[in-house]
Amino acid sequence: MTLIGNFLWLITGGFLSAFGWFLAGLFWHITIIGIPWGRQCFKFAALSLAPFGKEVLPGGGAPSLLANVVWLLGSGFPMACGHLLTGFLLCLTIVGIPFGRQHFKLARLALFPFGAKVLSLRAWRI
């Protein structure tokens, strides 16, 4: 089911989401100091190409908190607003609810990416 969900996700805005994360990564890589933030963007661009079957677990400590504050001011808030708006629009229809939920997951991740771990749900099954 995750294969079908990921395929439909790409058609209904997954490519645009990944492209947004990719552009944010390029923006952060312009300076040497922004490379850690750019690497997070590229990691989440890959996640936004196939979000079904994956779970994001928050975590981290004080260094992650500091990096997340810089991230939030730089590009986290606009990216989260874009995901929230898209998620709400998709949830207006019954068919779009699963895709809207994925956008909400990415919006939460857009606010605080440092220290978060992306796990495959297959790893949880025994």
C-alpha atoms as a PDB file:
ATOM      1  CA  MET A   1       0.000   0.000   0.000  1.00  0.00           C
ATOM      2  CA  THR A   2       2.908   2.373   0.667  1.00  0.00           C
ATOM      3  CA  LEU A   3       4.102   1.968  -2.935  1.00  0.00           C
ATOM      4  CA  ILE A   4       0.730   3.124  -4.280  1.00  0.00           C
ATOM      5  CA  GLY A   5       0.558   5.937  -1.720  1.00  0.00           C
ATOM      6  CA  ASN A   6       4.051   7.165  -2.612  1.00  0.00           C
ATOM      7  CA  PHE A   7       3.274   7.030  -6.339  1.00  0.00           C
ATOM      8  CA  LEU A   8       0.085   9.032  -5.895  1.00  0.00           C
ATOM      9  CA  TRP A   9       1.935  11.379  -3.542  1.00  0.00           C
ATOM     10  CA  LEU A  10       4.425  12.257  -6.288  1.00  0.00           C
ATOM     11  CA  ILE A  11       1.588  13.095  -8.666  1.00  0.00           C
ATOM     12  CA  THR A  12      -0.333  15.222  -6.134  1.00  0.00           C
ATOM     13  CA  GLY A  13       2.487  17.510  -5.060  1.00  0.00           C
ATOM     14  CA  GLY A  14       5.357  15.374  -3.838  1.00  0.00           C
ATOM     15  CA  PHE A  15       7.656  16.625  -6.563  1.00  0.00           C
ATOM     16  CA  LEU A  16       6.827  20.232  -5.677  1.00  0.00           C
ATOM     17  CA  SER A  17       7.472  19.558  -2.008  1.00  0.00           C
ATOM     18  CA  ALA A  18      10.814  17.909  -2.727  1.00  0.00           C
ATOM     19  CA  PHE A  19      11.739  20.741  -5.077  1.00  0.00           C
ATOM     20  CA  GLY A  20      11.008  23.281  -2.321  1.00  0.00           C
ATOM     21  CA  TRP A  21      13.246  21.433   0.114  1.00  0.00           C
ATOM     22  CA  PHE A  22      15.933  21.163  -2.574  1.00  0.00           C
ATOM     23  CA  LEU A  23      15.827  24.911  -3.257  1.00  0.00           C
ATOM     24  CA  ALA A  24      16.078  25.624   0.463  1.00  0.00           C
ATOM     25  CA  GLY A  25      19.128  23.338   0.585  1.00  0.00           C
ATOM     26  CA  LEU A  26      20.760  25.256  -2.260  1.00  0.00           C
ATOM     27  CA  PHE A  27      19.970  28.519  -0.480  1.00  0.00           C
ATOM     28  CA  TRP A  28      21.675  27.322   2.706  1.00  0.00           C
ATOM     29  CA  HIS A  29      24.707  25.937   0.836  1.00  0.00           C
ATOM     30  CA  ILE A  30      25.551  29.356  -0.629  1.00  0.00           C
ATOM     31  CA  THR A  31      27.532  30.111   2.523  1.00  0.00           C
ATOM     32  CA  ILE A  32      29.950  27.751   4.211  1.00  0.00           C
ATOM     33  CA  ILE A  33      28.259  28.306   7.569  1.00  0.00           C
ATOM     34  CA  GLY A  34      24.877  27.139   6.225  1.00  0.00           C
ATOM     35  CA  ILE A  35      26.050  23.707   5.043  1.00  0.00           C
ATOM     36  CA  PRO A  36      24.619  21.783   8.059  1.00  0.00           C
ATOM     37  CA  TRP A  37      21.222  23.389   7.442  1.00  0.00           C
ATOM     38  CA  GLY A  38      21.465  22.625   3.737  1.00  0.00           C
ATOM     39  CA  ARG A  39      22.222  18.973   4.456  1.00  0.00           C
ATOM     40  CA  GLN A  40      19.014  18.770   6.504  1.00  0.00           C
ATOM     41  CA  CYS A  41      17.098  20.205   3.564  1.00  0.00           C
ATOM     42  CA  PHE A  42      18.479  17.595   1.185  1.00  0.00           C
ATOM     43  CA  LYS A  43      17.678  14.817   3.659  1.00  0.00           C
ATOM     44  CA  PHE A  44      14.085  15.964   3.888  1.00  0.00           C
ATOM     45  CA  ALA A  45      13.834  16.475   0.133  1.00  0.00           C
ATOM     46  CA  ALA A  46      14.485  12.747  -0.158  1.00  0.00           C
ATOM     47  CA  LEU A  47      11.869  12.076   2.545  1.00  0.00           C
ATOM     48  CA  SER A  48       9.284  14.191   0.780  1.00  0.00           C
ATOM     49  CA  LEU A  49       9.678  12.094  -2.369  1.00  0.00           C
ATOM     50  CA  ALA A  50       8.380   9.014  -0.504  1.00  0.00           C
ATOM     51  CA  PRO A  51       6.812   9.889   2.887  1.00  0.00           C
ATOM     52  CA  PHE A  52       4.416   6.942   3.165  1.00  0.00           C
ATOM     53  CA  GLY A  53       5.794   4.148   5.312  1.00  0.00           C
ATOM     54  CA  LYS A  54       8.137   6.445   7.223  1.00  0.00           C
ATOM     55  CA  GLU A  55       7.840   7.991  10.655  1.00  0.00           C
ATOM     56  CA  VAL A  56       9.658  11.025  12.054  1.00  0.00           C
ATOM     57  CA  LEU A  57      10.767  10.888  15.670  1.00  0.00           C
ATOM     58  CA  PRO A  58      11.786  14.163  17.317  1.00  0.00           C
ATOM     59  CA  GLY A  59      14.890  14.262  19.433  1.00  0.00           C
ATOM     60  CA  GLY A  60      18.141  16.071  20.079  1.00  0.00           C
ATOM     61  CA  GLY A  61      19.572  18.197  22.803  1.00  0.00           C
ATOM     62  CA  ALA A  62      20.900  21.714  23.309  1.00  0.00           C
ATOM     63  CA  PRO A  63      22.932  21.879  20.059  1.00  0.00           C
ATOM     64  CA  SER A  64      19.885  20.734  18.118  1.00  0.00           C
ATOM     65  CA  LEU A  65      17.761  23.384  19.838  1.00  0.00           C
ATOM     66  CA  LEU A  66      20.175  26.142  18.839  1.00  0.00           C
ATOM     67  CA  ALA A  67      20.353  24.887  15.251  1.00  0.00           C
ATOM     68  CA  ASN A  68      16.551  24.610  15.121  1.00  0.00           C
ATOM     69  CA  VAL A  69      16.148  28.242  16.241  1.00  0.00           C
ATOM     70  CA  VAL A  70      18.437  29.429  13.431  1.00  0.00           C
ATOM     71  CA  TRP A  71      16.591  27.135  11.028  1.00  0.00           C
ATOM     72  CA  LEU A  72      13.181  28.391  12.130  1.00  0.00           C
ATOM     73  CA  LEU A  73      14.143  32.001  11.475  1.00  0.00           C
ATOM     74  CA  GLY A  74      15.830  31.233   8.149  1.00  0.00           C
ATOM     75  CA  SER A  75      13.515  28.914   6.280  1.00  0.00           C
ATOM     76  CA  GLY A  76      11.595  26.683   8.672  1.00  0.00           C
ATOM     77  CA  PHE A  77       8.587  28.904   9.181  1.00  0.00           C
ATOM     78  CA  PRO A  78       7.867  29.571   5.468  1.00  0.00           C
ATOM     79  CA  MET A  79       8.290  25.881   4.606  1.00  0.00           C
ATOM     80  CA  ALA A  80       5.993  24.833   7.458  1.00  0.00           C
ATOM     81  CA  CYS A  81       3.342  27.360   6.378  1.00  0.00           C
ATOM     82  CA  GLY A  82       3.466  25.994   2.838  1.00  0.00           C
ATOM     83  CA  HIS A  83       3.018  22.415   4.052  1.00  0.00           C
ATOM     84  CA  LEU A  84       0.188  23.418   6.394  1.00  0.00           C
ATOM     85  CA  LEU A  85      -1.672  25.295   3.676  1.00  0.00           C
ATOM     86  CA  THR A  86      -1.300  22.421   1.228  1.00  0.00           C
ATOM     87  CA  GLY A  87      -2.330  19.919   3.898  1.00  0.00           C
ATOM     88  CA  PHE A  88      -5.487  21.860   4.746  1.00  0.00           C
ATOM     89  CA  LEU A  89      -6.424  22.173   1.089  1.00  0.00           C
ATOM     90  CA  LEU A  90      -5.936  18.453   0.526  1.00  0.00           C
ATOM     91  CA  CYS A  91      -8.016  17.582   3.591  1.00  0.00           C
ATOM     92  CA  LEU A  92     -11.031  19.346   2.111  1.00  0.00           C
ATOM     93  CA  THR A  93     -11.706  16.179   0.147  1.00  0.00           C
ATOM     94  CA  ILE A  94     -11.916  12.662   1.538  1.00  0.00           C
ATOM     95  CA  VAL A  95      -9.502  11.352  -1.079  1.00  0.00           C
ATOM     96  CA  GLY A  96      -6.898  13.970  -0.141  1.00  0.00           C
ATOM     97  CA  ILE A  97      -6.844  13.285   3.606  1.00  0.00           C
ATOM     98  CA  PRO A  98      -3.935  10.775   3.541  1.00  0.00           C
ATOM     99  CA  PHE A  99      -1.882  13.218   1.494  1.00  0.00           C
ATOM    100  CA  GLY A 100      -2.806  16.102   3.785  1.00  0.00           C
ATOM    101  CA  ARG A 101      -1.609  14.077   6.771  1.00  0.00           C
ATOM    102  CA  GLN A 102       1.764  13.618   5.074  1.00  0.00           C
ATOM    103  CA  HIS A 103       2.003  17.379   4.585  1.00  0.00           C
ATOM    104  CA  PHE A 104       1.252  17.884   8.279  1.00  0.00           C
ATOM    105  CA  LYS A 105       4.075  15.456   9.115  1.00  0.00           C
ATOM    106  CA  LEU A 106       6.423  17.434   6.865  1.00  0.00           C
ATOM    107  CA  ALA A 107       5.237  20.738   8.385  1.00  0.00           C
ATOM    108  CA  ARG A 108       6.153  19.547  11.875  1.00  0.00           C
ATOM    109  CA  LEU A 109       9.485  18.441  10.518  1.00  0.00           C
ATOM    110  CA  ALA A 110       9.984  21.783   8.744  1.00  0.00           C
ATOM    111  CA  LEU A 111       9.812  23.562  12.083  1.00  0.00           C
ATOM    112  CA  PHE A 112      12.338  21.416  13.967  1.00  0.00           C
ATOM    113  CA  PRO A 113      14.485  19.224  11.673  1.00  0.00           C
ATOM    114  CA  PHE A 114      17.641  18.981  13.773  1.00  0.00           C
ATOM    115  CA  GLY A 115      17.737  15.975  16.039  1.00  0.00           C
ATOM    116  CA  ALA A 116      14.790  14.325  14.257  1.00  0.00           C
ATOM    117  CA  LYS A 117      15.212  10.787  13.002  1.00  0.00           C
ATOM    118  CA  VAL A 118      13.417   9.310  10.000  1.00  0.00           C
ATOM    119  CA  LEU A 119      12.528   5.658  10.524  1.00  0.00           C
ATOM    120  CA  SER A 120      10.968   3.201   8.154  1.00  0.00           C
ATOM    121  CA  LEU A 121       7.813   1.607   9.539  1.00  0.00           C
ATOM    122  CA  ARG A 122       9.007  -1.753   8.233  1.00  0.00           C
ATOM    123  CA  ALA A 123      11.744  -1.657  10.869  1.00  0.00           C
ATOM    124  CA  TRP A 124       9.054  -1.575  13.560  1.00  0.00           C
ATOM    125  CA  ARG A 125       7.330  -4.746  12.353  1.00  0.00           C
ATOM    126  CA  ILE A 126       8.420  -8.092  13.742  1.00  0.00           C
END
